[in-house]
Amino acid sequence: MKRYIALLTFTEKGFASIKDSPARVATFRASAEAAGVTINALYWTTGPYDGLISFDAPDEMTADALMLDLNATGFVKTQTMRALDDDAFAAVLAKAGQA
């Protein structure tokens, strides 16, 4: 499984129905689980981003599809990035310069 971090910002539609967010999160968690994705953490935040999701997906396609589906709801926009632990980062560094 690969770890990803998604930063969330509410859209106008999302702000207009912000009180429904907990129910939407439950739906999102069920969709993620059905896709084989593990949600490690989901936080609502203050500042430039409105939320953060840490999740593990079996592959990039699954992660991308999950985020596309979330964006398609129209309630949030996401910025998603791969998160590397120490071992994964060391493996990347070991390959650097070999291409």
PDB file of N, CA and C in Angstrom:
ATOM      1  N   MET A   1       0.846  -1.183   0.000  1.00  0.00           N
ATOM      2  CA  MET A   1       0.000   0.000   0.000  1.00  0.00           C
ATOM      3  C   MET A   1       0.890   1.245   0.000  1.00  0.00           C
ATOM      4  N   LYS A   2       0.449   2.243  -0.717  1.00  0.00           N
ATOM      5  CA  LYS A   2       1.166   3.515  -0.774  1.00  0.00           C
ATOM      6  C   LYS A   2       0.360   4.556  -0.005  1.00  0.00           C
ATOM      7  N   ARG A   3       1.068   5.435   0.694  1.00  0.00           N
ATOM      8  CA  ARG A   3       0.398   6.462   1.494  1.00  0.00           C
ATOM      9  C   ARG A   3       0.284   7.759   0.700  1.00  0.00           C
ATOM     10  N   TYR A   4      -0.847   8.415   0.877  1.00  0.00           N
ATOM     11  CA  TYR A   4      -1.129   9.686   0.231  1.00  0.00           C
ATOM     12  C   TYR A   4      -1.665  10.671   1.257  1.00  0.00           C
ATOM     13  N   ILE A   5      -1.446  11.952   0.976  1.00  0.00           N
ATOM     14  CA  ILE A   5      -2.025  13.039   1.753  1.00  0.00           C
ATOM     15  C   ILE A   5      -2.848  13.877   0.777  1.00  0.00           C
ATOM     16  N   ALA A   6      -4.081  14.162   1.147  1.00  0.00           N
ATOM     17  CA  ALA A   6      -4.936  15.036   0.340  1.00  0.00           C
ATOM     18  C   ALA A   6      -5.286  16.259   1.172  1.00  0.00           C
ATOM     19  N   LEU A   7      -5.048  17.433   0.606  1.00  0.00           N
ATOM     20  CA  LEU A   7      -5.434  18.687   1.233  1.00  0.00           C
ATOM     21  C   LEU A   7      -6.759  19.117   0.623  1.00  0.00           C
ATOM     22  N   LEU A   8      -7.712  19.500   1.463  1.00  0.00           N
ATOM     23  CA  LEU A   8      -9.062  19.821   1.005  1.00  0.00           C
ATOM     24  C   LEU A   8      -9.368  21.300   1.166  1.00  0.00           C
ATOM     25  N   THR A   9     -10.094  21.840   0.206  1.00  0.00           N
ATOM     26  CA  THR A   9     -10.688  23.168   0.347  1.00  0.00           C
ATOM     27  C   THR A   9     -12.152  23.057  -0.047  1.00  0.00           C
ATOM     28  N   PHE A  10     -13.004  23.685   0.752  1.00  0.00           N
ATOM     29  CA  PHE A  10     -14.428  23.689   0.431  1.00  0.00           C
ATOM     30  C   PHE A  10     -14.695  24.552  -0.796  1.00  0.00           C
ATOM     31  N   THR A  11     -15.627  24.126  -1.608  1.00  0.00           N
ATOM     32  CA  THR A  11     -16.141  24.945  -2.702  1.00  0.00           C
ATOM     33  C   THR A  11     -17.297  25.777  -2.143  1.00  0.00           C
ATOM     34  N   GLU A  12     -17.852  26.665  -2.955  1.00  0.00           N
ATOM     35  CA  GLU A  12     -19.035  27.422  -2.523  1.00  0.00           C
ATOM     36  C   GLU A  12     -20.163  26.465  -2.162  1.00  0.00           C
ATOM     37  N   LYS A  13     -20.327  25.428  -2.969  1.00  0.00           N
ATOM     38  CA  LYS A  13     -21.355  24.416  -2.697  1.00  0.00           C
ATOM     39  C   LYS A  13     -21.091  23.729  -1.357  1.00  0.00           C
ATOM     40  N   GLY A  14     -19.827  23.439  -1.076  1.00  0.00           N
ATOM     41  CA  GLY A  14     -19.463  22.800   0.181  1.00  0.00           C
ATOM     42  C   GLY A  14     -19.737  23.690   1.385  1.00  0.00           C
ATOM     43  N   PHE A  15     -19.404  24.979   1.260  1.00  0.00           N
ATOM     44  CA  PHE A  15     -19.678  25.912   2.353  1.00  0.00           C
ATOM     45  C   PHE A  15     -21.177  26.085   2.571  1.00  0.00           C
ATOM     46  N   ALA A  16     -21.939  26.089   1.488  1.00  0.00           N
ATOM     47  CA  ALA A  16     -23.391  26.287   1.600  1.00  0.00           C
ATOM     48  C   ALA A  16     -24.062  25.157   2.373  1.00  0.00           C
ATOM     49  N   SER A  17     -23.458  23.983   2.355  1.00  0.00           N
ATOM     50  CA  SER A  17     -24.045  22.835   3.058  1.00  0.00           C
ATOM     51  C   SER A  17     -23.038  22.220   4.034  1.00  0.00           C
ATOM     52  N   ILE A  18     -22.255  23.070   4.675  1.00  0.00           N
ATOM     53  CA  ILE A  18     -21.162  22.597   5.533  1.00  0.00           C
ATOM     54  C   ILE A  18     -21.652  21.715   6.674  1.00  0.00           C
ATOM     55  N   LYS A  19     -22.871  21.952   7.149  1.00  0.00           N
ATOM     56  CA  LYS A  19     -23.392  21.155   8.264  1.00  0.00           C
ATOM     57  C   LYS A  19     -23.658  19.706   7.868  1.00  0.00           C
ATOM     58  N   ASP A  20     -23.700  19.432   6.572  1.00  0.00           N
ATOM     59  CA  ASP A  20     -23.889  18.062   6.093  1.00  0.00           C
ATOM     60  C   ASP A  20     -22.559  17.316   5.930  1.00  0.00           C
ATOM     61  N   SER A  21     -21.459  17.991   6.228  1.00  0.00           N
ATOM     62  CA  SER A  21     -20.133  17.390   6.033  1.00  0.00           C
ATOM     63  C   SER A  21     -19.943  16.073   6.778  1.00  0.00           C
ATOM     64  N   PRO A  22     -20.370  15.948   8.050  1.00  0.00           N
ATOM     65  CA  PRO A  22     -20.176  14.655   8.727  1.00  0.00           C
ATOM     66  C   PRO A  22     -20.840  13.483   7.997  1.00  0.00           C
ATOM     67  N   ALA A  23     -22.024  13.694   7.453  1.00  0.00           N
ATOM     68  CA  ALA A  23     -22.691  12.622   6.706  1.00  0.00           C
ATOM     69  C   ALA A  23     -21.933  12.311   5.417  1.00  0.00           C
ATOM     70  N   ARG A  24     -21.408  13.345   4.777  1.00  0.00           N
ATOM     71  CA  ARG A  24     -20.639  13.123   3.544  1.00  0.00           C
ATOM     72  C   ARG A  24     -19.346  12.365   3.845  1.00  0.00           C
ATOM     73  N   VAL A  25     -18.745  12.635   4.997  1.00  0.00           N
ATOM     74  CA  VAL A  25     -17.524  11.916   5.381  1.00  0.00           C
ATOM     75  C   VAL A  25     -17.820  10.432   5.541  1.00  0.00           C
ATOM     76  N   ALA A  26     -18.945  10.112   6.145  1.00  0.00           N
ATOM     77  CA  ALA A  26     -19.312   8.697   6.314  1.00  0.00           C
ATOM     78  C   ALA A  26     -19.453   8.015   4.959  1.00  0.00           C
ATOM     79  N   THR A  27     -20.063   8.701   4.008  1.00  0.00           N
ATOM     80  CA  THR A  27     -20.212   8.161   2.655  1.00  0.00           C
ATOM     81  C   THR A  27     -18.844   7.987   1.997  1.00  0.00           C
ATOM     82  N   PHE A  28     -17.975   8.988   2.160  1.00  0.00           N
ATOM     83  CA  PHE A  28     -16.628   8.917   1.594  1.00  0.00           C
ATOM     84  C   PHE A  28     -15.850   7.742   2.180  1.00  0.00           C
ATOM     85  N   ARG A  29     -15.919   7.571   3.501  1.00  0.00           N
ATOM     86  CA  ARG A  29     -15.205   6.462   4.145  1.00  0.00           C
ATOM     87  C   ARG A  29     -15.681   5.112   3.600  1.00  0.00           C
ATOM     88  N   ALA A  30     -16.985   4.973   3.396  1.00  0.00           N
ATOM     89  CA  ALA A  30     -17.527   3.724   2.855  1.00  0.00           C
ATOM     90  C   ALA A  30     -17.032   3.497   1.427  1.00  0.00           C
ATOM     91  N   SER A  31     -17.001   4.547   0.618  1.00  0.00           N
ATOM     92  CA  SER A  31     -16.500   4.435  -0.759  1.00  0.00           C
ATOM     93  C   SER A  31     -15.027   4.051  -0.773  1.00  0.00           C
ATOM     94  N   ALA A  32     -14.263   4.668   0.113  1.00  0.00           N
ATOM     95  CA  ALA A  32     -12.834   4.366   0.193  1.00  0.00           C
ATOM     96  C   ALA A  32     -12.616   2.907   0.572  1.00  0.00           C
ATOM     97  N   GLU A  33     -13.337   2.455   1.572  1.00  0.00           N
ATOM     98  CA  GLU A  33     -13.194   1.062   2.013  1.00  0.00           C
ATOM     99  C   GLU A  33     -13.558   0.094   0.892  1.00  0.00           C
ATOM    100  N   ALA A  34     -14.634   0.396   0.167  1.00  0.00           N
ATOM    101  CA  ALA A  34     -15.059  -0.464  -0.940  1.00  0.00           C
ATOM    102  C   ALA A  34     -14.002  -0.527  -2.043  1.00  0.00           C
ATOM    103  N   ALA A  35     -13.216   0.542  -2.174  1.00  0.00           N
ATOM    104  CA  ALA A  35     -12.163   0.589  -3.193  1.00  0.00           C
ATOM    105  C   ALA A  35     -10.853  -0.024  -2.709  1.00  0.00           C
ATOM    106  N   GLY A  36     -10.827  -0.505  -1.465  1.00  0.00           N
ATOM    107  CA  GLY A  36      -9.603  -1.084  -0.927  1.00  0.00           C
ATOM    108  C   GLY A  36      -8.655  -0.062  -0.339  1.00  0.00           C
ATOM    109  N   VAL A  37      -9.184   1.113  -0.016  1.00  0.00           N
ATOM    110  CA  VAL A  37      -8.384   2.205   0.537  1.00  0.00           C
ATOM    111  C   VAL A  37      -8.601   2.278   2.044  1.00  0.00           C
ATOM    112  N   THR A  38      -7.522   2.505   2.780  1.00  0.00           N
ATOM    113  CA  THR A  38      -7.593   2.677   4.228  1.00  0.00           C
ATOM    114  C   THR A  38      -7.438   4.156   4.561  1.00  0.00           C
ATOM    115  N   ILE A  39      -8.408   4.721   5.257  1.00  0.00           N
ATOM    116  CA  ILE A  39      -8.305   6.102   5.720  1.00  0.00           C
ATOM    117  C   ILE A  39      -7.582   6.072   7.067  1.00  0.00           C
ATOM    118  N   ASN A  40      -6.395   6.660   7.119  1.00  0.00           N
ATOM    119  CA  ASN A  40      -5.607   6.695   8.351  1.00  0.00           C
ATOM    120  C   ASN A  40      -6.048   7.822   9.268  1.00  0.00           C
ATOM    121  N   ALA A  41      -6.363   8.957   8.674  1.00  0.00           N
ATOM    122  CA  ALA A  41      -6.780  10.129   9.445  1.00  0.00           C
ATOM    123  C   ALA A  41      -7.540  11.072   8.531  1.00  0.00           C
ATOM    124  N   LEU A  42      -8.511  11.743   9.107  1.00  0.00           N
ATOM    125  CA  LEU A  42      -9.234  12.794   8.401  1.00  0.00           C
ATOM    126  C   LEU A  42      -9.444  13.909   9.415  1.00  0.00           C
ATOM    127  N   TYR A  43      -8.885  15.079   9.107  1.00  0.00           N
ATOM    128  CA  TYR A  43      -8.958  16.216  10.015  1.00  0.00           C
ATOM    129  C   TYR A  43      -9.572  17.409   9.304  1.00  0.00           C
ATOM    130  N   TRP A  44     -10.352  18.184  10.040  1.00  0.00           N
ATOM    131  CA  TRP A  44     -10.800  19.496   9.578  1.00  0.00           C
ATOM    132  C   TRP A  44      -9.788  20.488  10.122  1.00  0.00           C
ATOM    133  N   THR A  45      -9.364  21.426   9.297  1.00  0.00           N
ATOM    134  CA  THR A  45      -8.281  22.318   9.689  1.00  0.00           C
ATOM    135  C   THR A  45      -8.679  23.780   9.512  1.00  0.00           C
ATOM    136  N   THR A  46      -7.910  24.647  10.164  1.00  0.00           N
ATOM    137  CA  THR A  46      -8.068  26.083   9.967  1.00  0.00           C
ATOM    138  C   THR A  46      -6.853  26.567   9.199  1.00  0.00           C
ATOM    139  N   GLY A  47      -6.986  27.661   8.506  1.00  0.00           N
ATOM    140  CA  GLY A  47      -5.877  28.173   7.710  1.00  0.00           C
ATOM    141  C   GLY A  47      -6.192  28.060   6.234  1.00  0.00           C
ATOM    142  N   PRO A  48      -5.172  27.917   5.399  1.00  0.00           N
ATOM    143  CA  PRO A  48      -5.403  27.922   3.953  1.00  0.00           C
ATOM    144  C   PRO A  48      -6.141  26.688   3.435  1.00  0.00           C
ATOM    145  N   TYR A  49      -6.138  25.605   4.202  1.00  0.00           N
ATOM    146  CA  TYR A  49      -6.856  24.393   3.808  1.00  0.00           C
ATOM    147  C   TYR A  49      -7.924  24.097   4.846  1.00  0.00           C
ATOM    148  N   ASP A  50      -9.007  23.493   4.392  1.00  0.00           N
ATOM    149  CA  ASP A  50     -10.144  23.205   5.268  1.00  0.00           C
ATOM    150  C   ASP A  50     -10.110  21.796   5.838  1.00  0.00           C
ATOM    151  N   GLY A  51      -9.282  20.944   5.265  1.00  0.00           N
ATOM    152  CA  GLY A  51      -9.201  19.581   5.759  1.00  0.00           C
ATOM    153  C   GLY A  51      -7.999  18.858   5.197  1.00  0.00           C
ATOM    154  N   LEU A  52      -7.734  17.697   5.778  1.00  0.00           N
ATOM    155  CA  LEU A  52      -6.606  16.865   5.385  1.00  0.00           C
ATOM    156  C   LEU A  52      -7.019  15.412   5.549  1.00  0.00           C
ATOM    157  N   ILE A  53      -6.675  14.606   4.550  1.00  0.00           N
ATOM    158  CA  ILE A  53      -6.923  13.166   4.617  1.00  0.00           C
ATOM    159  C   ILE A  53      -5.592  12.454   4.410  1.00  0.00           C
ATOM    160  N   SER A  54      -5.281  11.529   5.293  1.00  0.00           N
ATOM    161  CA  SER A  54      -4.151  10.619   5.109  1.00  0.00           C
ATOM    162  C   SER A  54      -4.754   9.260   4.788  1.00  0.00           C
ATOM    163  N   PHE A  55      -4.338   8.677   3.655  1.00  0.00           N
ATOM    164  CA  PHE A  55      -4.907   7.383   3.275  1.00  0.00           C
ATOM    165  C   PHE A  55      -3.875   6.508   2.591  1.00  0.00           C
ATOM    166  N   ASP A  56      -4.106   5.206   2.673  1.00  0.00           N
ATOM    167  CA  ASP A  56      -3.274   4.217   1.998  1.00  0.00           C
ATOM    168  C   ASP A  56      -4.093   3.583   0.884  1.00  0.00           C
ATOM    169  N   ALA A  57      -3.511   3.537  -0.307  1.00  0.00           N
ATOM    170  CA  ALA A  57      -4.174   2.934  -1.464  1.00  0.00           C
ATOM    171  C   ALA A  57      -3.248   1.888  -2.071  1.00  0.00           C
ATOM    172  N   PRO A  58      -3.824   0.860  -2.689  1.00  0.00           N
ATOM    173  CA  PRO A  58      -2.990  -0.196  -3.259  1.00  0.00           C
ATOM    174  C   PRO A  58      -2.153   0.263  -4.446  1.00  0.00           C
ATOM    175  N   ASP A  59      -2.594   1.316  -5.148  1.00  0.00           N
ATOM    176  CA  ASP A  59      -1.860   1.798  -6.312  1.00  0.00           C
ATOM    177  C   ASP A  59      -2.321   3.213  -6.648  1.00  0.00           C
ATOM    178  N   GLU A  60      -1.576   3.854  -7.566  1.00  0.00           N
ATOM    179  CA  GLU A  60      -1.874   5.239  -7.939  1.00  0.00           C
ATOM    180  C   GLU A  60      -3.243   5.385  -8.590  1.00  0.00           C
ATOM    181  N   MET A  61      -3.629   4.425  -9.422  1.00  0.00           N
ATOM    182  CA  MET A  61      -4.923   4.519 -10.096  1.00  0.00           C
ATOM    183  C   MET A  61      -6.070   4.547  -9.104  1.00  0.00           C
ATOM    184  N   THR A  62      -5.978   3.707  -8.087  1.00  0.00           N
ATOM    185  CA  THR A  62      -7.023   3.669  -7.066  1.00  0.00           C
ATOM    186  C   THR A  62      -7.065   4.988  -6.307  1.00  0.00           C
ATOM    187  N   ALA A  63      -5.899   5.510  -5.941  1.00  0.00           N
ATOM    188  CA  ALA A  63      -5.836   6.796  -5.239  1.00  0.00           C
ATOM    189  C   ALA A  63      -6.407   7.909  -6.105  1.00  0.00           C
ATOM    190  N   ASP A  64      -6.008   7.943  -7.377  1.00  0.00           N
ATOM    191  CA  ASP A  64      -6.503   8.976  -8.290  1.00  0.00           C
ATOM    192  C   ASP A  64      -8.009   8.882  -8.482  1.00  0.00           C
ATOM    193  N   ALA A  65      -8.519   7.678  -8.648  1.00  0.00           N
ATOM    194  CA  ALA A  65      -9.958   7.492  -8.854  1.00  0.00           C
ATOM    195  C   ALA A  65     -10.746   7.947  -7.629  1.00  0.00           C
ATOM    196  N   LEU A  66     -10.241   7.624  -6.438  1.00  0.00           N
ATOM    197  CA  LEU A  66     -10.921   8.038  -5.214  1.00  0.00           C
ATOM    198  C   LEU A  66     -10.989   9.558  -5.119  1.00  0.00           C
ATOM    199  N   MET A  67      -9.888  10.231  -5.423  1.00  0.00           N
ATOM    200  CA  MET A  67      -9.869  11.691  -5.350  1.00  0.00           C
ATOM    201  C   MET A  67     -10.707  12.325  -6.457  1.00  0.00           C
ATOM    202  N   LEU A  68     -10.711  11.723  -7.643  1.00  0.00           N
ATOM    203  CA  LEU A  68     -11.583  12.231  -8.714  1.00  0.00           C
ATOM    204  C   LEU A  68     -13.046  12.142  -8.305  1.00  0.00           C
ATOM    205  N   ASP A  69     -13.414  11.016  -7.709  1.00  0.00           N
ATOM    206  CA  ASP A  69     -14.794  10.855  -7.244  1.00  0.00           C
ATOM    207  C   ASP A  69     -15.131  11.870  -6.157  1.00  0.00           C
ATOM    208  N   LEU A  70     -14.200  12.122  -5.248  1.00  0.00           N
ATOM    209  CA  LEU A  70     -14.443  13.105  -4.192  1.00  0.00           C
ATOM    210  C   LEU A  70     -14.606  14.502  -4.782  1.00  0.00           C
ATOM    211  N   ASN A  71     -13.740  14.868  -5.716  1.00  0.00           N
ATOM    212  CA  ASN A  71     -13.854  16.170  -6.372  1.00  0.00           C
ATOM    213  C   ASN A  71     -15.149  16.292  -7.163  1.00  0.00           C
ATOM    214  N   ALA A  72     -15.584  15.193  -7.754  1.00  0.00           N
ATOM    215  CA  ALA A  72     -16.795  15.213  -8.585  1.00  0.00           C
ATOM    216  C   ALA A  72     -18.056  15.519  -7.781  1.00  0.00           C
ATOM    217  N   THR A  73     -17.998  15.354  -6.456  1.00  0.00           N
ATOM    218  CA  THR A  73     -19.166  15.700  -5.642  1.00  0.00           C
ATOM    219  C   THR A  73     -19.431  17.196  -5.685  1.00  0.00           C
ATOM    220  N   GLY A  74     -18.393  17.979  -5.951  1.00  0.00           N
ATOM    221  CA  GLY A  74     -18.543  19.424  -6.016  1.00  0.00           C
ATOM    222  C   GLY A  74     -18.474  20.126  -4.668  1.00  0.00           C
ATOM    223  N   PHE A  75     -18.276  19.382  -3.582  1.00  0.00           N
ATOM    224  CA  PHE A  75     -18.242  19.983  -2.248  1.00  0.00           C
ATOM    225  C   PHE A  75     -16.842  20.424  -1.837  1.00  0.00           C
ATOM    226  N   VAL A  76     -15.827  19.756  -2.369  1.00  0.00           N
ATOM    227  CA  VAL A  76     -14.437  20.092  -2.051  1.00  0.00           C
ATOM    228  C   VAL A  76     -13.586  19.995  -3.309  1.00  0.00           C
ATOM    229  N   LYS A  77     -12.435  20.654  -3.243  1.00  0.00           N
ATOM    230  CA  LYS A  77     -11.365  20.476  -4.219  1.00  0.00           C
ATOM    231  C   LYS A  77     -10.192  19.892  -3.447  1.00  0.00           C
ATOM    232  N   THR A  78      -9.427  19.046  -4.102  1.00  0.00           N
ATOM    233  CA  THR A  78      -8.317  18.394  -3.411  1.00  0.00           C
ATOM    234  C   THR A  78      -6.988  18.648  -4.110  1.00  0.00           C
ATOM    235  N   GLN A  79      -5.941  18.595  -3.314  1.00  0.00           N
ATOM    236  CA  GLN A  79      -4.569  18.529  -3.806  1.00  0.00           C
ATOM    237  C   GLN A  79      -3.977  17.298  -3.146  1.00  0.00           C
ATOM    238  N   THR A  80      -3.569  16.347  -3.961  1.00  0.00           N
ATOM    239  CA  THR A  80      -3.128  15.060  -3.431  1.00  0.00           C
ATOM    240  C   THR A  80      -1.659  14.841  -3.746  1.00  0.00           C
ATOM    241  N   MET A  81      -0.952  14.286  -2.789  1.00  0.00           N
ATOM    242  CA  MET A  81       0.464  14.006  -2.973  1.00  0.00           C
ATOM    243  C   MET A  81       0.818  12.677  -2.330  1.00  0.00           C
ATOM    244  N   ARG A  82       1.831  12.048  -2.845  1.00  0.00           N
ATOM    245  CA  ARG A  82       2.346  10.804  -2.270  1.00  0.00           C
ATOM    246  C   ARG A  82       3.138  11.151  -1.027  1.00  0.00           C
ATOM    247  N   ALA A  83       2.981  10.378   0.024  1.00  0.00           N
ATOM    248  CA  ALA A  83       3.726  10.567   1.272  1.00  0.00           C
ATOM    249  C   ALA A  83       4.686   9.388   1.442  1.00  0.00           C
ATOM    250  N   LEU A  84       5.937   9.689   1.678  1.00  0.00           N
ATOM    251  CA  LEU A  84       6.964   8.653   1.799  1.00  0.00           C
ATOM    252  C   LEU A  84       7.445   8.562   3.241  1.00  0.00           C
ATOM    253  N   ASP A  85       7.505   7.343   3.771  1.00  0.00           N
ATOM    254  CA  ASP A  85       8.121   7.164   5.083  1.00  0.00           C
ATOM    255  C   ASP A  85       9.640   7.146   4.889  1.00  0.00           C
ATOM    256  N   ASP A  86      10.377   7.007   5.979  1.00  0.00           N
ATOM    257  CA  ASP A  86      11.841   7.050   5.895  1.00  0.00           C
ATOM    258  C   ASP A  86      12.403   6.008   4.934  1.00  0.00           C
ATOM    259  N   ASP A  87      11.887   4.783   4.992  1.00  0.00           N
ATOM    260  CA  ASP A  87      12.402   3.711   4.136  1.00  0.00           C
ATOM    261  C   ASP A  87      12.125   3.983   2.659  1.00  0.00           C
ATOM    262  N   ALA A  88      10.912   4.428   2.353  1.00  0.00           N
ATOM    263  CA  ALA A  88      10.564   4.718   0.959  1.00  0.00           C
ATOM    264  C   ALA A  88      11.392   5.885   0.429  1.00  0.00           C
ATOM    265  N   PHE A  89      11.590   6.903   1.255  1.00  0.00           N
ATOM    266  CA  PHE A  89      12.387   8.048   0.828  1.00  0.00           C
ATOM    267  C   PHE A  89      13.836   7.629   0.590  1.00  0.00           C
ATOM    268  N   ALA A  90      14.370   6.772   1.451  1.00  0.00           N
ATOM    269  CA  ALA A  90      15.738   6.270   1.268  1.00  0.00           C
ATOM    270  C   ALA A  90      15.854   5.484  -0.034  1.00  0.00           C
ATOM    271  N   ALA A  91      14.823   4.710  -0.375  1.00  0.00           N
ATOM    272  CA  ALA A  91      14.834   3.950  -1.629  1.00  0.00           C
ATOM    273  C   ALA A  91      14.829   4.889  -2.831  1.00  0.00           C
ATOM    274  N   VAL A  92      14.072   5.968  -2.757  1.00  0.00           N
ATOM    275  CA  VAL A  92      14.055   6.959  -3.837  1.00  0.00           C
ATOM    276  C   VAL A  92      15.439   7.587  -3.972  1.00  0.00           C
ATOM    277  N   LEU A  93      16.018   7.965  -2.859  1.00  0.00           N
ATOM    278  CA  LEU A  93      17.349   8.576  -2.898  1.00  0.00           C
ATOM    279  C   LEU A  93      18.388   7.621  -3.466  1.00  0.00           C
ATOM    280  N   ALA A  94      18.264   6.333  -3.168  1.00  0.00           N
ATOM    281  CA  ALA A  94      19.204   5.340  -3.684  1.00  0.00           C
ATOM    282  C   ALA A  94      19.118   5.226  -5.201  1.00  0.00           C
ATOM    283  N   LYS A  95      17.917   5.449  -5.762  1.00  0.00           N
ATOM    284  CA  LYS A  95      17.738   5.365  -7.218  1.00  0.00           C
ATOM    285  C   LYS A  95      18.076   6.670  -7.920  1.00  0.00           C
ATOM    286  N   ALA A  96      18.117   7.756  -7.196  1.00  0.00           N
ATOM    287  CA  ALA A  96      18.378   9.065  -7.802  1.00  0.00           C
ATOM    288  C   ALA A  96      19.710   9.034  -8.547  1.00  0.00           C
ATOM    289  N   GLY A  97      19.694   9.559  -9.751  1.00  0.00           N
ATOM    290  CA  GLY A  97      20.909   9.606 -10.547  1.00  0.00           C
ATOM    291  C   GLY A  97      21.178   8.350 -11.349  1.00  0.00           C
ATOM    292  N   GLN A  98      20.321   7.348 -11.228  1.00  0.00           N
ATOM    293  CA  GLN A  98      20.514   6.103 -11.969  1.00  0.00           C
ATOM    294  C   GLN A  98      19.704   6.057 -13.257  1.00  0.00           C
ATOM    295  N   ALA A  99      18.839   7.016 -13.464  1.00  0.00           N
ATOM    296  CA  ALA A  99      17.970   6.994 -14.651  1.00  0.00           C
ATOM    297  C   ALA A  99      18.730   7.435 -15.876  1.00  0.00           C
TER     298      ALA A  99
END
